[in-house]
PDB file of N, CA and C in Angstrom:
ATOM      1  N   MET A   1      94.879  36.036  74.293  1.00  0.00           N
ATOM      2  CA  MET A   1      95.359  35.608  75.583  1.00  0.00           C
ATOM      3  C   MET A   1      96.572  36.429  76.020  1.00  0.00           C
ATOM      4  N   ASN A   2      97.377  36.826  75.050  1.00  0.00           N
ATOM      5  CA  ASN A   2      98.573  37.593  75.362  1.00  0.00           C
ATOM      6  C   ASN A   2      98.202  38.963  75.938  1.00  0.00           C
ATOM      7  N   ALA A   3      97.191  39.626  75.394  1.00  0.00           N
ATOM      8  CA  ALA A   3      96.769  40.936  75.884  1.00  0.00           C
ATOM      9  C   ALA A   3      96.201  40.824  77.294  1.00  0.00           C
ATOM     10  N   PHE A   4      95.462  39.749  77.564  1.00  0.00           N
ATOM     11  CA  PHE A   4      94.905  39.542  78.898  1.00  0.00           C
ATOM     12  C   PHE A   4      96.016  39.360  79.934  1.00  0.00           C
ATOM     13  N   PHE A   5      97.070  38.632  79.561  1.00  0.00           N
ATOM     14  CA  PHE A   5      98.213  38.442  80.446  1.00  0.00           C
ATOM     15  C   PHE A   5      98.868  39.787  80.775  1.00  0.00           C
ATOM     16  N   TRP A   6      99.095  40.619  79.768  1.00  0.00           N
ATOM     17  CA  TRP A   6      99.701  41.937  80.006  1.00  0.00           C
ATOM     18  C   TRP A   6      98.799  42.818  80.859  1.00  0.00           C
ATOM     19  N   PHE A   7      97.499  42.738  80.628  1.00  0.00           N
ATOM     20  CA  PHE A   7      96.550  43.515  81.434  1.00  0.00           C
ATOM     21  C   PHE A   7      96.643  43.106  82.903  1.00  0.00           C
ATOM     22  N   LEU A   8      96.651  41.808  83.174  1.00  0.00           N
ATOM     23  CA  LEU A   8      96.767  41.337  84.557  1.00  0.00           C
ATOM     24  C   LEU A   8      98.096  41.732  85.183  1.00  0.00           C
ATOM     25  N   LEU A   9      99.159  41.657  84.406  1.00  0.00           N
ATOM     26  CA  LEU A   9     100.471  42.041  84.910  1.00  0.00           C
ATOM     27  C   LEU A   9     100.511  43.517  85.277  1.00  0.00           C
ATOM     28  N   ILE A  10      99.945  44.366  84.444  1.00  0.00           N
ATOM     29  CA  ILE A  10      99.917  45.815  84.723  1.00  0.00           C
ATOM     30  C   ILE A  10      99.046  46.107  85.937  1.00  0.00           C
ATOM     31  N   VAL A  11      97.915  45.433  86.044  1.00  0.00           N
ATOM     32  CA  VAL A  11      97.036  45.638  87.200  1.00  0.00           C
ATOM     33  C   VAL A  11      97.734  45.194  88.476  1.00  0.00           C
ATOM     34  N   LEU A  12      98.420  44.074  88.451  1.00  0.00           N
ATOM     35  CA  LEU A  12      99.116  43.567  89.631  1.00  0.00           C
ATOM     36  C   LEU A  12     100.248  44.504  90.048  1.00  0.00           C
ATOM     37  N   ILE A  13     101.032  44.957  89.102  1.00  0.00           N
ATOM     38  CA  ILE A  13     102.133  45.881  89.421  1.00  0.00           C
ATOM     39  C   ILE A  13     101.586  47.200  89.954  1.00  0.00           C
ATOM     40  N   SER A  14     100.525  47.705  89.356  1.00  0.00           N
ATOM     41  CA  SER A  14      99.910  48.956  89.838  1.00  0.00           C
ATOM     42  C   SER A  14      99.391  48.785  91.256  1.00  0.00           C
ATOM     43  N   TRP A  15      98.772  47.641  91.517  1.00  0.00           N
ATOM     44  CA  TRP A  15      98.238  47.382  92.853  1.00  0.00           C
ATOM     45  C   TRP A  15      99.361  47.351  93.886  1.00  0.00           C
ATOM     46  N   ILE A  16     100.458  46.700  93.564  1.00  0.00           N
ATOM     47  CA  ILE A  16     101.594  46.636  94.488  1.00  0.00           C
ATOM     48  C   ILE A  16     102.177  48.023  94.726  1.00  0.00           C
ATOM     49  N   VAL A  17     102.288  48.817  93.664  1.00  0.00           N
ATOM     50  CA  VAL A  17     102.838  50.171  93.802  1.00  0.00           C
ATOM     51  C   VAL A  17     101.941  51.024  94.688  1.00  0.00           C
ATOM     52  N   PHE A  18     100.647  51.005  94.443  1.00  0.00           N
ATOM     53  CA  PHE A  18      99.734  51.871  95.194  1.00  0.00           C
ATOM     54  C   PHE A  18      99.518  51.412  96.630  1.00  0.00           C
ATOM     55  N   ILE A  19      99.556  50.131  96.881  1.00  0.00           N
ATOM     56  CA  ILE A  19      99.272  49.619  98.216  1.00  0.00           C
ATOM     57  C   ILE A  19     100.514  49.606  99.109  1.00  0.00           C
ATOM     58  N   TYR A  20     101.679  49.302  98.538  1.00  0.00           N
ATOM     59  CA  TYR A  20     102.865  49.128  99.366  1.00  0.00           C
ATOM     60  C   TYR A  20     103.935  50.202  99.182  1.00  0.00           C
ATOM     61  N   ILE A  21     104.259  50.518  97.970  1.00  0.00           N
ATOM     62  CA  ILE A  21     105.417  51.376  97.715  1.00  0.00           C
ATOM     63  C   ILE A  21     105.117  52.847  98.008  1.00  0.00           C
ATOM     64  N   ILE A  22     103.994  53.366  97.540  1.00  0.00           N
ATOM     65  CA  ILE A  22     103.674  54.784  97.756  1.00  0.00           C
ATOM     66  C   ILE A  22     103.529  55.105  99.249  1.00  0.00           C
ATOM     67  N   PRO A  23     102.802  54.317 100.059  1.00  0.00           N
ATOM     68  CA  PRO A  23     102.753  54.626 101.502  1.00  0.00           C
ATOM     69  C   PRO A  23     104.116  54.536 102.186  1.00  0.00           C
ATOM     70  N   PHE A  24     104.957  53.600 101.739  1.00  0.00           N
ATOM     71  CA  PHE A  24     106.295  53.471 102.323  1.00  0.00           C
ATOM     72  C   PHE A  24     107.131  54.713 102.053  1.00  0.00           C
ATOM     73  N   VAL A  25     107.105  55.189 100.811  1.00  0.00           N
ATOM     74  CA  VAL A  25     107.856  56.390 100.441  1.00  0.00           C
ATOM     75  C   VAL A  25     107.281  57.612 101.158  1.00  0.00           C
ATOM     76  N   ALA A  26     105.967  57.705 101.257  1.00  0.00           N
ATOM     77  CA  ALA A  26     105.342  58.838 101.945  1.00  0.00           C
ATOM     78  C   ALA A  26     105.710  58.839 103.424  1.00  0.00           C
ATOM     79  N   ARG A  27     105.767  57.672 104.043  1.00  0.00           N
ATOM     80  CA  ARG A  27     106.136  57.580 105.461  1.00  0.00           C
ATOM     81  C   ARG A  27     107.567  58.067 105.679  1.00  0.00           C
ATOM     82  N   ILE A  28     108.477  57.670 104.802  1.00  0.00           N
ATOM     83  CA  ILE A  28     109.871  58.117 104.915  1.00  0.00           C
ATOM     84  C   ILE A  28     109.954  59.632 104.741  1.00  0.00           C
ATOM     85  N   PHE A  29     109.241  60.167 103.756  1.00  0.00           N
ATOM     86  CA  PHE A  29     109.248  61.609 103.510  1.00  0.00           C
ATOM     87  C   PHE A  29     108.695  62.374 104.708  1.00  0.00           C
ATOM     88  N   LEU A  30     107.602  61.909 105.285  1.00  0.00           N
ATOM     89  CA  LEU A  30     107.000  62.602 106.426  1.00  0.00           C
ATOM     90  C   LEU A  30     107.893  62.529 107.666  1.00  0.00           C
ATOM     91  N   ARG A  31     108.596  61.425 107.860  1.00  0.00           N
ATOM     92  CA  ARG A  31     109.516  61.343 108.995  1.00  0.00           C
ATOM     93  C   ARG A  31     110.658  62.338 108.851  1.00  0.00           C
ATOM     94  N   ARG A  32     111.206  62.448 107.640  1.00  0.00           N
ATOM     95  CA  ARG A  32     112.283  63.429 107.419  1.00  0.00           C
ATOM     96  C   ARG A  32     111.771  64.847 107.607  1.00  0.00           C
ATOM     97  N   LEU A  33     110.572  65.113 107.149  1.00  0.00           N
ATOM     98  CA  LEU A  33     109.997  66.443 107.307  1.00  0.00           C
ATOM     99  C   LEU A  33     109.759  66.768 108.783  1.00  0.00           C
ATOM    100  N   ALA A  34     109.258  65.798 109.541  1.00  0.00           N
ATOM    101  CA  ALA A  34     109.031  66.013 110.973  1.00  0.00           C
ATOM    102  C   ALA A  34     110.348  66.246 111.698  1.00  0.00           C
ATOM    103  N   LYS A  35     111.393  65.522 111.312  1.00  0.00           N
ATOM    104  CA  LYS A  35     112.698  65.706 111.933  1.00  0.00           C
ATOM    105  C   LYS A  35     113.248  67.099 111.645  1.00  0.00           C
ATOM    106  N   ARG A  36     113.035  67.569 110.410  1.00  0.00           N
ATOM    107  CA  ARG A  36     113.494  68.912 110.035  1.00  0.00           C
ATOM    108  C   ARG A  36     112.763  69.983 110.842  1.00  0.00           C
ATOM    109  N   PHE A  37     111.446  69.829 111.017  1.00  0.00           N
ATOM    110  CA  PHE A  37     110.689  70.790 111.821  1.00  0.00           C
ATOM    111  C   PHE A  37     111.126  70.757 113.276  1.00  0.00           C
ATOM    112  N   GLN A  38     111.404  69.570 113.792  1.00  0.00           N
ATOM    113  CA  GLN A  38     111.838  69.455 115.183  1.00  0.00           C
ATOM    114  C   GLN A  38     113.192  70.137 115.381  1.00  0.00           C
ATOM    115  N   ASN A  39     114.114  69.937 114.445  1.00  0.00           N
ATOM    116  CA  ASN A  39     115.422  70.591 114.550  1.00  0.00           C
ATOM    117  C   ASN A  39     115.273  72.108 114.474  1.00  0.00           C
ATOM    118  N   TYR A  40     114.378  72.581 113.626  1.00  0.00           N
ATOM    119  CA  TYR A  40     114.166  74.026 113.496  1.00  0.00           C
ATOM    120  C   TYR A  40     113.613  74.617 114.784  1.00  0.00           C
ATOM    121  N   THR A  41     112.633  73.950 115.393  1.00  0.00           N
ATOM    122  CA  THR A  41     112.055  74.493 116.630  1.00  0.00           C
ATOM    123  C   THR A  41     113.064  74.450 117.775  1.00  0.00           C
ATOM    124  N   GLU A  42     113.868  73.398 117.835  1.00  0.00           N
ATOM    125  CA  GLU A  42     114.887  73.346 118.883  1.00  0.00           C
ATOM    126  C   GLU A  42     115.914  74.448 118.701  1.00  0.00           C
ATOM    127  N   LYS A  43     116.288  74.721 117.465  1.00  0.00           N
ATOM    128  CA  LYS A  43     117.271  75.764 117.195  1.00  0.00           C
ATOM    129  C   LYS A  43     116.718  77.140 117.561  1.00  0.00           C
ATOM    130  N   THR A  44     115.466  77.407 117.233  1.00  0.00           N
ATOM    131  CA  THR A  44     114.890  78.715 117.543  1.00  0.00           C
ATOM    132  C   THR A  44     114.668  78.883 119.037  1.00  0.00           C
ATOM    133  N   GLN A  45     114.373  77.810 119.760  1.00  0.00           N
ATOM    134  CA  GLN A  45     114.189  77.924 121.205  1.00  0.00           C
ATOM    135  C   GLN A  45     115.511  78.182 121.912  1.00  0.00           C
ATOM    136  N   HIS A  46     116.604  77.617 121.423  1.00  0.00           N
ATOM    137  CA  HIS A  46     117.898  77.840 122.056  1.00  0.00           C
ATOM    138  C   HIS A  46     118.434  79.237 121.748  1.00  0.00           C
ATOM    139  N   ASN A  47     118.105  79.788 120.596  1.00  0.00           N
ATOM    140  CA  ASN A  47     118.574  81.121 120.246  1.00  0.00           C
ATOM    141  C   ASN A  47     117.777  82.210 120.952  1.00  0.00           C
ATOM    142  N   ASN A  48     116.630  81.878 121.454  1.00  0.00           N
ATOM    143  CA  ASN A  48     115.750  82.850 122.092  1.00  0.00           C
ATOM    144  C   ASN A  48     115.886  82.696 123.604  1.00  0.00           C
ATOM    145  N   ASN A  49     116.943  83.270 124.208  1.00  0.00           N
ATOM    146  CA  ASN A  49     117.223  83.093 125.628  1.00  0.00           C
ATOM    147  C   ASN A  49     116.657  84.217 126.483  1.00  0.00           C
ATOM    148  N   LYS A  50     115.608  84.874 126.042  1.00  0.00           N
ATOM    149  CA  LYS A  50     114.995  85.926 126.836  1.00  0.00           C
ATOM    150  C   LYS A  50     114.115  85.304 127.919  1.00  0.00           C
ATOM    151  N   PRO A  51     114.014  85.959 129.059  1.00  0.00           N
ATOM    152  CA  PRO A  51     113.128  85.419 130.094  1.00  0.00           C
ATOM    153  C   PRO A  51     111.669  85.489 129.642  1.00  0.00           C
ATOM    154  N   GLU A  52     110.881  84.607 130.187  1.00  0.00           N
ATOM    155  CA  GLU A  52     109.480  84.535 129.806  1.00  0.00           C
ATOM    156  C   GLU A  52     108.742  85.796 130.262  1.00  0.00           C
ATOM    157  N   GLY A  53     107.935  86.351 129.399  1.00  0.00           N
ATOM    158  CA  GLY A  53     107.154  87.534 129.718  1.00  0.00           C
ATOM    159  C   GLY A  53     107.838  88.830 129.363  1.00  0.00           C
ATOM    160  N   SER A  54     109.083  88.793 128.887  1.00  0.00           N
ATOM    161  CA  SER A  54     109.755  90.036 128.517  1.00  0.00           C
ATOM    162  C   SER A  54     109.199  90.553 127.194  1.00  0.00           C
ATOM    163  N   VAL A  55     109.220  91.860 127.053  1.00  0.00           N
ATOM    164  CA  VAL A  55     108.678  92.508 125.865  1.00  0.00           C
ATOM    165  C   VAL A  55     109.819  93.140 125.098  1.00  0.00           C
ATOM    166  N   ASN A  56     109.850  92.924 123.800  1.00  0.00           N
ATOM    167  CA  ASN A  56     110.873  93.483 122.942  1.00  0.00           C
ATOM    168  C   ASN A  56     110.192  94.287 121.854  1.00  0.00           C
ATOM    169  N   ILE A  57     110.538  95.572 121.747  1.00  0.00           N
ATOM    170  CA  ILE A  57     109.950  96.442 120.732  1.00  0.00           C
ATOM    171  C   ILE A  57     111.038  96.800 119.740  1.00  0.00           C
ATOM    172  N   ASP A  58     110.823  96.446 118.473  1.00  0.00           N
ATOM    173  CA  ASP A  58     111.764  96.776 117.421  1.00  0.00           C
ATOM    174  C   ASP A  58     111.213  97.970 116.643  1.00  0.00           C
ATOM    175  N   TYR A  59     111.979  99.042 116.631  1.00  0.00           N
ATOM    176  CA  TYR A  59     111.570 100.227 115.899  1.00  0.00           C
ATOM    177  C   TYR A  59     112.154 100.195 114.504  1.00  0.00           C
ATOM    178  N   GLY A  60     111.476 100.869 113.578  1.00  0.00           N
ATOM    179  CA  GLY A  60     111.971 100.956 112.214  1.00  0.00           C
ATOM    180  C   GLY A  60     113.089 101.972 112.128  1.00  0.00           C
ATOM    181  N   SER A  61     113.383 102.401 110.938  1.00  0.00           N
ATOM    182  CA  SER A  61     114.453 103.380 110.755  1.00  0.00           C
ATOM    183  C   SER A  61     114.029 104.732 111.327  1.00  0.00           C
ATOM    184  N   ASP A  62     115.018 105.542 111.732  1.00  0.00           N
ATOM    185  CA  ASP A  62     114.731 106.832 112.352  1.00  0.00           C
ATOM    186  C   ASP A  62     114.354 107.906 111.330  1.00  0.00           C
ATOM    187  N   LYS A  63     114.775 107.761 110.104  1.00  0.00           N
ATOM    188  CA  LYS A  63     114.478 108.805 109.124  1.00  0.00           C
ATOM    189  C   LYS A  63     113.036 108.664 108.629  1.00  0.00           C
ATOM    190  N   PRO A  64     112.330 109.784 108.505  1.00  0.00           N
ATOM    191  CA  PRO A  64     110.934 109.709 108.056  1.00  0.00           C
ATOM    192  C   PRO A  64     110.858 109.327 106.575  1.00  0.00           C
ATOM    193  N   LYS A  65     109.754 108.730 106.230  1.00  0.00           N
ATOM    194  CA  LYS A  65     109.562 108.325 104.835  1.00  0.00           C
ATOM    195  C   LYS A  65     109.090 109.509 104.007  1.00  0.00           C
ATOM    196  N   LYS A  66     109.461 109.489 102.773  1.00  0.00           N
ATOM    197  CA  LYS A  66     108.998 110.511 101.849  1.00  0.00           C
ATOM    198  C   LYS A  66     107.544 110.216 101.501  1.00  0.00           C
ATOM    199  N   PRO A  67     106.776 111.247 101.153  1.00  0.00           N
ATOM    200  CA  PRO A  67     105.373 110.989 100.803  1.00  0.00           C
ATOM    201  C   PRO A  67     105.211 110.013  99.635  1.00  0.00           C
ATOM    202  N   SER A  68     106.180 109.976  98.728  1.00  0.00           N
ATOM    203  CA  SER A  68     106.053 109.056  97.601  1.00  0.00           C
ATOM    204  C   SER A  68     106.260 107.605  98.040  1.00  0.00           C
ATOM    205  N   GLU A  69     106.942 107.383  99.160  1.00  0.00           N
ATOM    206  CA  GLU A  69     107.165 106.031  99.645  1.00  0.00           C
ATOM    207  C   GLU A  69     106.001 105.508 100.485  1.00  0.00           C
ATOM    208  N   VAL A  70     105.149 106.429 100.965  1.00  0.00           N
ATOM    209  CA  VAL A  70     104.069 106.032 101.846  1.00  0.00           C
ATOM    210  C   VAL A  70     102.981 105.314 101.068  1.00  0.00           C
ATOM    211  N   GLY A  71     102.593 105.812  99.915  1.00  0.00           N
ATOM    212  CA  GLY A  71     101.540 105.191  99.126  1.00  0.00           C
ATOM    213  C   GLY A  71     100.975 106.176  98.125  1.00  0.00           C
ATOM    214  N   ASP A  72     100.024 105.737  97.377  1.00  0.00           N
ATOM    215  CA  ASP A  72      99.394 106.593  96.376  1.00  0.00           C
ATOM    216  C   ASP A  72      98.212 107.331  96.986  1.00  0.00           C
ATOM    217  N   TYR A  73      98.025 108.559  96.553  1.00  0.00           N
ATOM    218  CA  TYR A  73      96.884 109.343  96.997  1.00  0.00           C
ATOM    219  C   TYR A  73      95.739 109.109  96.033  1.00  0.00           C
ATOM    220  N   VAL A  74      94.595 108.759  96.581  1.00  0.00           N
ATOM    221  CA  VAL A  74      93.422 108.515  95.745  1.00  0.00           C
ATOM    222  C   VAL A  74      92.382 109.560  96.098  1.00  0.00           C
ATOM    223  N   ASP A  75      92.044 110.403  95.136  1.00  0.00           N
ATOM    224  CA  ASP A  75      91.031 111.419  95.330  1.00  0.00           C
ATOM    225  C   ASP A  75      89.657 110.766  95.162  1.00  0.00           C
ATOM    226  N   PHE A  76      88.778 111.007  96.125  1.00  0.00           N
ATOM    227  CA  PHE A  76      87.457 110.396  96.015  1.00  0.00           C
ATOM    228  C   PHE A  76      86.404 111.437  96.332  1.00  0.00           C
ATOM    229  N   GLU A  77      85.212 111.117  95.954  1.00  0.00           N
ATOM    230  CA  GLU A  77      84.092 112.013  96.151  1.00  0.00           C
ATOM    231  C   GLU A  77      82.941 111.211  96.738  1.00  0.00           C
ATOM    232  N   GLU A  78      82.337 111.722  97.802  1.00  0.00           N
ATOM    233  CA  GLU A  78      81.235 111.002  98.423  1.00  0.00           C
ATOM    234  C   GLU A  78      79.998 111.126  97.571  1.00  0.00           C
ATOM    235  N   ILE A  79      79.272 110.025  97.475  1.00  0.00           N
ATOM    236  CA  ILE A  79      78.020 110.005  96.717  1.00  0.00           C
ATOM    237  C   ILE A  79      76.915 109.718  97.713  1.00  0.00           C
ATOM    238  N   LYS A  80      75.940 110.607  97.735  1.00  0.00           N
ATOM    239  CA  LYS A  80      74.823 110.435  98.669  1.00  0.00           C
ATOM    240  C   LYS A  80      73.770 109.500  98.045  1.00  0.00           C
ATOM    241  N   ASP A  81      73.304 108.575  98.882  1.00  0.00           N
ATOM    242  CA  ASP A  81      72.243 107.669  98.424  1.00  0.00           C
ATOM    243  C   ASP A  81      70.905 108.396  98.470  1.00  0.00           C
ATOM    244  N   LYS A  82      70.047 108.035  97.579  1.00  0.00           N
ATOM    245  CA  LYS A  82      68.714 108.676  97.538  1.00  0.00           C
ATOM    246  C   LYS A  82      67.760 107.995  98.469  1.00  0.00           C
TER     247      LYS A  82
END
């Protein structure tokens, strides 16, 4: 009888945790996450004061890259299908 009591107690506590506590904690976490995303988008919109439709081109550095910085050279040979 003692083992059955402990089994019921564990099942009841697990049920309460899964039905009530986990969704409550998840709801709080998602609200904080949504608030963080909202603050980020508001901050980026205020920092971007360019008129709508304007084009901005960012160029890289003016010095040319060395061939070793561009990539590896792979020698290949074409194979004709029969």
